[in-house]
N, C-alpha and C. Protein backbone atom coordinates (compact mmCIF):
# COMPACT_ATOMS: atom_id res chain seq x y z
N MET A 1 -11.74 25.84 -23.31
CA MET A 1 -10.72 25.12 -22.57
C MET A 1 -11.19 24.85 -21.15
N GLY A 2 -11.78 25.85 -20.50
CA GLY A 2 -12.27 25.68 -19.14
C GLY A 2 -13.36 24.63 -19.05
N ARG A 3 -14.24 24.61 -20.06
CA ARG A 3 -15.31 23.61 -20.08
C ARG A 3 -14.74 22.21 -20.25
N GLN A 4 -13.74 22.09 -21.10
CA GLN A 4 -13.13 20.77 -21.32
C GLN A 4 -12.49 20.26 -20.05
N LEU A 5 -11.78 21.14 -19.35
CA LEU A 5 -11.14 20.75 -18.10
C LEU A 5 -12.19 20.36 -17.07
N ALA A 6 -13.26 21.13 -16.98
CA ALA A 6 -14.34 20.80 -16.05
C ALA A 6 -14.98 19.47 -16.40
N LEU A 7 -15.15 19.20 -17.68
CA LEU A 7 -15.74 17.94 -18.12
C LEU A 7 -14.85 16.76 -17.76
N VAL A 8 -13.55 16.91 -17.98
CA VAL A 8 -12.61 15.85 -17.61
C VAL A 8 -12.66 15.60 -16.11
N PHE A 9 -12.66 16.66 -15.33
CA PHE A 9 -12.73 16.53 -13.88
C PHE A 9 -14.02 15.84 -13.46
N LEU A 10 -15.14 16.22 -14.04
CA LEU A 10 -16.42 15.61 -13.72
C LEU A 10 -16.42 14.13 -14.08
N CYS A 11 -15.87 13.78 -15.22
CA CYS A 11 -15.81 12.37 -15.63
C CYS A 11 -14.98 11.55 -14.64
N LEU A 12 -13.87 12.11 -14.20
CA LEU A 12 -13.05 11.41 -13.22
C LEU A 12 -13.80 11.22 -11.90
N MET A 13 -14.52 12.24 -11.49
CA MET A 13 -15.29 12.15 -10.25
C MET A 13 -16.38 11.09 -10.38
N LEU A 14 -17.06 11.07 -11.50
CA LEU A 14 -18.16 10.13 -11.69
C LEU A 14 -17.67 8.71 -11.91
N SER A 15 -16.46 8.54 -12.37
CA SER A 15 -15.95 7.19 -12.61
C SER A 15 -15.74 6.44 -11.31
N GLY A 16 -15.63 7.17 -10.20
CA GLY A 16 -15.47 6.52 -8.90
C GLY A 16 -14.07 6.02 -8.63
N LEU A 17 -13.10 6.44 -9.43
CA LEU A 17 -11.74 5.97 -9.20
C LEU A 17 -11.09 6.78 -8.10
N ALA A 18 -10.55 6.08 -7.13
CA ALA A 18 -9.86 6.75 -6.03
C ALA A 18 -8.40 6.96 -6.43
N ARG A 19 -7.87 8.09 -6.05
CA ARG A 19 -6.46 8.36 -6.29
C ARG A 19 -5.66 7.52 -5.30
N ALA A 20 -4.77 6.71 -5.83
CA ALA A 20 -3.98 5.87 -4.95
C ALA A 20 -3.00 6.74 -4.17
N GLU A 21 -2.88 6.46 -2.91
CA GLU A 21 -1.96 7.21 -2.07
C GLU A 21 -0.91 6.27 -1.52
N ARG A 22 0.30 6.76 -1.45
CA ARG A 22 1.39 5.98 -0.88
C ARG A 22 1.63 6.45 0.55
N THR A 23 1.92 5.49 1.39
CA THR A 23 2.20 5.79 2.78
C THR A 23 3.56 5.19 3.13
N ALA A 24 4.42 6.01 3.71
CA ALA A 24 5.77 5.55 4.05
C ALA A 24 5.76 4.76 5.35
N LEU A 25 6.49 3.68 5.33
CA LEU A 25 6.70 2.89 6.55
C LEU A 25 7.87 3.52 7.29
N PRO A 26 7.80 3.66 8.61
CA PRO A 26 8.89 4.30 9.35
C PRO A 26 10.22 3.57 9.16
N ALA A 27 11.27 4.30 8.85
CA ALA A 27 12.60 3.70 8.66
C ALA A 27 13.10 3.04 9.94
N GLU A 28 12.65 3.55 11.09
CA GLU A 28 13.09 3.01 12.39
C GLU A 28 12.67 1.56 12.59
N LEU A 29 11.69 1.11 11.83
CA LEU A 29 11.22 -0.27 11.95
C LEU A 29 12.37 -1.25 11.70
N TRP A 30 13.33 -0.85 10.88
CA TRP A 30 14.42 -1.75 10.50
C TRP A 30 15.64 -1.60 11.40
N ASP A 31 15.55 -0.75 12.42
CA ASP A 31 16.70 -0.51 13.30
C ASP A 31 16.88 -1.58 14.36
N SER A 32 15.88 -2.40 14.59
CA SER A 32 15.97 -3.43 15.62
C SER A 32 15.27 -4.69 15.12
N PRO A 33 15.47 -5.81 15.81
CA PRO A 33 14.81 -7.04 15.37
C PRO A 33 13.28 -6.88 15.35
N ARG A 34 12.66 -7.46 14.35
CA ARG A 34 11.20 -7.38 14.22
C ARG A 34 10.53 -8.58 14.87
N SER A 35 9.30 -8.37 15.29
CA SER A 35 8.45 -9.43 15.83
C SER A 35 7.05 -9.19 15.30
N ALA A 36 6.21 -10.19 15.44
CA ALA A 36 4.82 -10.03 15.00
C ALA A 36 4.17 -8.87 15.74
N ALA A 37 4.44 -8.75 17.03
CA ALA A 37 3.85 -7.67 17.83
C ALA A 37 4.29 -6.30 17.31
N LEU A 38 5.55 -6.17 16.94
CA LEU A 38 6.06 -4.90 16.43
C LEU A 38 5.43 -4.56 15.08
N ILE A 39 5.30 -5.55 14.22
CA ILE A 39 4.69 -5.34 12.90
C ILE A 39 3.23 -4.93 13.05
N VAL A 40 2.50 -5.66 13.88
CA VAL A 40 1.07 -5.39 14.08
C VAL A 40 0.84 -4.02 14.72
N ALA A 41 1.81 -3.54 15.49
CA ALA A 41 1.66 -2.26 16.20
C ALA A 41 1.88 -1.05 15.30
N GLN A 42 2.34 -1.23 14.08
CA GLN A 42 2.61 -0.11 13.18
C GLN A 42 1.30 0.48 12.65
N PRO A 43 0.98 1.74 12.97
CA PRO A 43 -0.27 2.34 12.51
C PRO A 43 -0.44 2.30 10.99
N VAL A 44 0.64 2.51 10.25
CA VAL A 44 0.57 2.48 8.79
C VAL A 44 0.11 1.10 8.32
N LEU A 45 0.67 0.06 8.92
CA LEU A 45 0.29 -1.29 8.53
C LEU A 45 -1.11 -1.64 9.01
N GLN A 46 -1.49 -1.18 10.19
CA GLN A 46 -2.85 -1.43 10.69
C GLN A 46 -3.87 -0.89 9.71
N HIS A 47 -3.68 0.35 9.28
CA HIS A 47 -4.63 0.97 8.35
C HIS A 47 -4.63 0.26 7.00
N SER A 48 -3.44 0.03 6.46
CA SER A 48 -3.35 -0.60 5.13
C SER A 48 -3.95 -1.99 5.11
N VAL A 49 -3.65 -2.79 6.12
CA VAL A 49 -4.18 -4.16 6.16
C VAL A 49 -5.69 -4.14 6.40
N ALA A 50 -6.18 -3.25 7.25
CA ALA A 50 -7.62 -3.16 7.48
C ALA A 50 -8.36 -2.81 6.19
N GLU A 51 -7.84 -1.85 5.44
CA GLU A 51 -8.46 -1.48 4.16
C GLU A 51 -8.36 -2.62 3.16
N LEU A 52 -7.22 -3.29 3.13
CA LEU A 52 -7.03 -4.41 2.21
C LEU A 52 -8.04 -5.52 2.51
N LEU A 53 -8.20 -5.86 3.77
CA LEU A 53 -9.12 -6.94 4.15
C LEU A 53 -10.58 -6.54 3.95
N ALA A 54 -10.87 -5.26 4.03
CA ALA A 54 -12.25 -4.79 3.85
C ALA A 54 -12.66 -4.74 2.38
N HIS A 55 -11.70 -4.82 1.49
CA HIS A 55 -11.98 -4.72 0.05
C HIS A 55 -11.37 -5.93 -0.66
N PRO A 56 -12.19 -6.93 -0.95
CA PRO A 56 -11.68 -8.20 -1.48
C PRO A 56 -10.94 -8.11 -2.81
N HIS A 57 -11.13 -7.06 -3.58
CA HIS A 57 -10.45 -6.95 -4.87
C HIS A 57 -9.23 -6.04 -4.81
N ALA A 58 -8.96 -5.47 -3.65
CA ALA A 58 -7.81 -4.57 -3.50
C ALA A 58 -6.51 -5.37 -3.41
N ARG A 59 -5.41 -4.69 -3.73
CA ARG A 59 -4.08 -5.26 -3.60
C ARG A 59 -3.20 -4.25 -2.87
N LEU A 60 -2.18 -4.77 -2.22
CA LEU A 60 -1.21 -3.92 -1.53
C LEU A 60 0.10 -3.97 -2.30
N LEU A 61 0.55 -2.80 -2.74
CA LEU A 61 1.85 -2.70 -3.40
C LEU A 61 2.87 -2.20 -2.38
N ILE A 62 4.00 -2.88 -2.32
CA ILE A 62 5.11 -2.44 -1.48
C ILE A 62 6.17 -1.90 -2.42
N HIS A 63 6.31 -0.58 -2.45
CA HIS A 63 7.31 0.07 -3.30
C HIS A 63 8.63 0.12 -2.52
N HIS A 64 9.72 -0.25 -3.18
CA HIS A 64 11.02 -0.28 -2.52
C HIS A 64 12.11 0.08 -3.50
N GLY A 65 13.27 0.40 -2.97
CA GLY A 65 14.41 0.73 -3.81
C GLY A 65 15.03 -0.51 -4.43
N ALA A 66 16.07 -0.29 -5.23
CA ALA A 66 16.71 -1.39 -5.95
C ALA A 66 17.88 -2.02 -5.21
N SER A 67 18.30 -1.42 -4.10
CA SER A 67 19.45 -1.97 -3.37
C SER A 67 19.08 -3.32 -2.74
N ASP A 68 20.10 -4.12 -2.45
CA ASP A 68 19.86 -5.41 -1.80
C ASP A 68 19.13 -5.24 -0.48
N GLU A 69 19.52 -4.21 0.28
CA GLU A 69 18.89 -3.96 1.58
C GLU A 69 17.40 -3.63 1.41
N ALA A 70 17.08 -2.79 0.45
CA ALA A 70 15.68 -2.41 0.22
C ALA A 70 14.85 -3.60 -0.22
N VAL A 71 15.41 -4.42 -1.10
CA VAL A 71 14.69 -5.62 -1.57
C VAL A 71 14.47 -6.57 -0.40
N SER A 72 15.49 -6.75 0.44
CA SER A 72 15.37 -7.63 1.61
C SER A 72 14.30 -7.14 2.57
N GLN A 73 14.25 -5.83 2.81
CA GLN A 73 13.24 -5.27 3.70
C GLN A 73 11.84 -5.49 3.14
N ALA A 74 11.66 -5.26 1.85
CA ALA A 74 10.35 -5.45 1.22
C ALA A 74 9.93 -6.92 1.29
N GLU A 75 10.87 -7.82 1.01
CA GLU A 75 10.55 -9.25 1.07
C GLU A 75 10.22 -9.68 2.50
N GLU A 76 10.95 -9.12 3.47
CA GLU A 76 10.67 -9.46 4.87
C GLU A 76 9.29 -8.96 5.28
N LEU A 77 8.95 -7.73 4.89
CA LEU A 77 7.63 -7.20 5.22
C LEU A 77 6.54 -8.06 4.59
N ARG A 78 6.72 -8.44 3.34
CA ARG A 78 5.75 -9.30 2.65
C ARG A 78 5.60 -10.62 3.41
N ALA A 79 6.72 -11.21 3.83
CA ALA A 79 6.68 -12.47 4.58
C ALA A 79 5.94 -12.31 5.91
N TRP A 80 6.17 -11.19 6.60
CA TRP A 80 5.46 -10.94 7.86
C TRP A 80 3.95 -10.84 7.61
N LEU A 81 3.56 -10.11 6.59
CA LEU A 81 2.13 -9.94 6.30
C LEU A 81 1.48 -11.27 5.95
N ILE A 82 2.18 -12.10 5.20
CA ILE A 82 1.66 -13.42 4.86
C ILE A 82 1.54 -14.27 6.12
N ALA A 83 2.55 -14.21 6.99
CA ALA A 83 2.51 -14.96 8.25
C ALA A 83 1.36 -14.50 9.14
N LEU A 84 0.97 -13.24 8.98
CA LEU A 84 -0.13 -12.68 9.78
C LEU A 84 -1.47 -12.80 9.04
N ALA A 85 -1.55 -13.72 8.07
CA ALA A 85 -2.79 -14.12 7.40
C ALA A 85 -3.26 -13.23 6.26
N VAL A 86 -2.37 -12.43 5.68
CA VAL A 86 -2.74 -11.68 4.48
C VAL A 86 -2.43 -12.59 3.29
N ASP A 87 -3.37 -12.72 2.37
CA ASP A 87 -3.22 -13.58 1.20
C ASP A 87 -2.04 -13.11 0.35
N SER A 88 -1.11 -14.00 0.08
CA SER A 88 0.10 -13.64 -0.68
C SER A 88 -0.21 -13.11 -2.07
N LYS A 89 -1.32 -13.53 -2.66
CA LYS A 89 -1.69 -13.08 -4.01
C LYS A 89 -2.09 -11.61 -4.03
N ARG A 90 -2.33 -11.04 -2.85
CA ARG A 90 -2.79 -9.65 -2.78
C ARG A 90 -1.66 -8.68 -2.42
N ILE A 91 -0.43 -9.19 -2.33
CA ILE A 91 0.72 -8.36 -1.99
C ILE A 91 1.71 -8.42 -3.14
N GLU A 92 2.09 -7.26 -3.66
CA GLU A 92 3.04 -7.19 -4.76
C GLU A 92 4.21 -6.29 -4.37
N LEU A 93 5.39 -6.68 -4.81
CA LEU A 93 6.58 -5.85 -4.61
C LEU A 93 6.85 -5.08 -5.89
N ASN A 94 7.24 -3.82 -5.73
CA ASN A 94 7.50 -2.96 -6.89
C ASN A 94 8.82 -2.23 -6.68
N THR A 95 9.81 -2.56 -7.50
CA THR A 95 11.13 -1.92 -7.42
C THR A 95 11.11 -0.58 -8.13
N GLU A 96 11.59 0.43 -7.45
CA GLU A 96 11.75 1.77 -8.02
C GLU A 96 13.16 2.24 -7.70
N ASN A 97 13.92 2.55 -8.72
CA ASN A 97 15.33 2.92 -8.51
C ASN A 97 15.51 4.10 -7.58
N ASP A 98 14.58 5.05 -7.59
CA ASP A 98 14.73 6.26 -6.78
C ASP A 98 13.93 6.22 -5.48
N ALA A 99 13.36 5.07 -5.13
CA ALA A 99 12.55 4.97 -3.91
C ALA A 99 13.42 5.13 -2.67
N ARG A 100 12.86 5.79 -1.68
CA ARG A 100 13.53 5.94 -0.39
C ARG A 100 12.67 5.22 0.64
N GLY A 101 13.20 4.20 1.25
CA GLY A 101 12.44 3.44 2.23
C GLY A 101 11.36 2.61 1.56
N LEU A 102 10.45 2.12 2.38
CA LEU A 102 9.32 1.35 1.88
C LEU A 102 8.07 2.21 1.89
N ASN A 103 7.32 2.13 0.82
CA ASN A 103 6.05 2.85 0.72
C ASN A 103 4.96 1.87 0.36
N LEU A 104 3.83 1.99 1.03
CA LEU A 104 2.69 1.12 0.79
C LEU A 104 1.65 1.85 -0.03
N GLU A 105 1.02 1.12 -0.95
CA GLU A 105 -0.03 1.69 -1.78
C GLU A 105 -1.13 0.66 -1.96
N LEU A 106 -2.35 1.06 -1.64
CA LEU A 106 -3.51 0.21 -1.87
C LEU A 106 -4.08 0.53 -3.24
N VAL A 107 -4.30 -0.48 -4.06
CA VAL A 107 -4.90 -0.28 -5.37
C VAL A 107 -6.14 -1.15 -5.48
N GLY A 108 -7.10 -0.67 -6.26
CA GLY A 108 -8.33 -1.43 -6.46
C GLY A 108 -9.46 -1.03 -5.53
N ILE A 109 -9.34 0.12 -4.87
CA ILE A 109 -10.40 0.63 -4.01
C ILE A 109 -11.00 1.85 -4.69
N THR A 110 -12.30 1.86 -4.92
CA THR A 110 -12.95 2.99 -5.56
C THR A 110 -13.56 3.91 -4.52
N LEU A 111 -13.84 5.14 -4.93
CA LEU A 111 -14.39 6.13 -4.01
C LEU A 111 -15.71 5.68 -3.41
N GLU A 112 -16.58 5.07 -4.22
CA GLU A 112 -17.89 4.72 -3.68
C GLU A 112 -17.83 3.59 -2.67
N ASN A 113 -16.75 2.78 -2.68
CA ASN A 113 -16.70 1.73 -1.68
C ASN A 113 -15.55 1.90 -0.70
N LYS A 114 -14.87 3.03 -0.75
CA LYS A 114 -13.80 3.27 0.21
C LYS A 114 -14.40 3.37 1.61
N GLY A 115 -13.86 2.57 2.50
CA GLY A 115 -14.37 2.53 3.87
C GLY A 115 -15.52 1.56 4.04
N ASN A 116 -16.01 0.99 2.94
CA ASN A 116 -17.08 -0.01 3.00
C ASN A 116 -16.67 -1.22 2.18
N PRO A 117 -16.93 -2.42 2.67
CA PRO A 117 -16.58 -3.62 1.90
C PRO A 117 -17.40 -3.73 0.64
């Protein structure tokens, strides 16, 4: 059993697949009117967009709740990112009934090219 588990772990490591991580966008972002400067100043978005642009096959998932407010926030964030020159085909919205706030997830980045284009 231990050998099988070690073999599975080794195969996952060698496959180069990165574990996708979700990053929460601060809820305070929605407490006041947004501007391009405010969106660009968000460290979570700076990191996510930089990684997205550095990896041409990566996509950005915006996970959001099912309420009208959550859907509106996700759509607004997507619109801001598109207005700031992120390709709309690389941004996807994902409704999750139990989601709290907005969470960003980069998919399509492997371990061997993480941090490198």
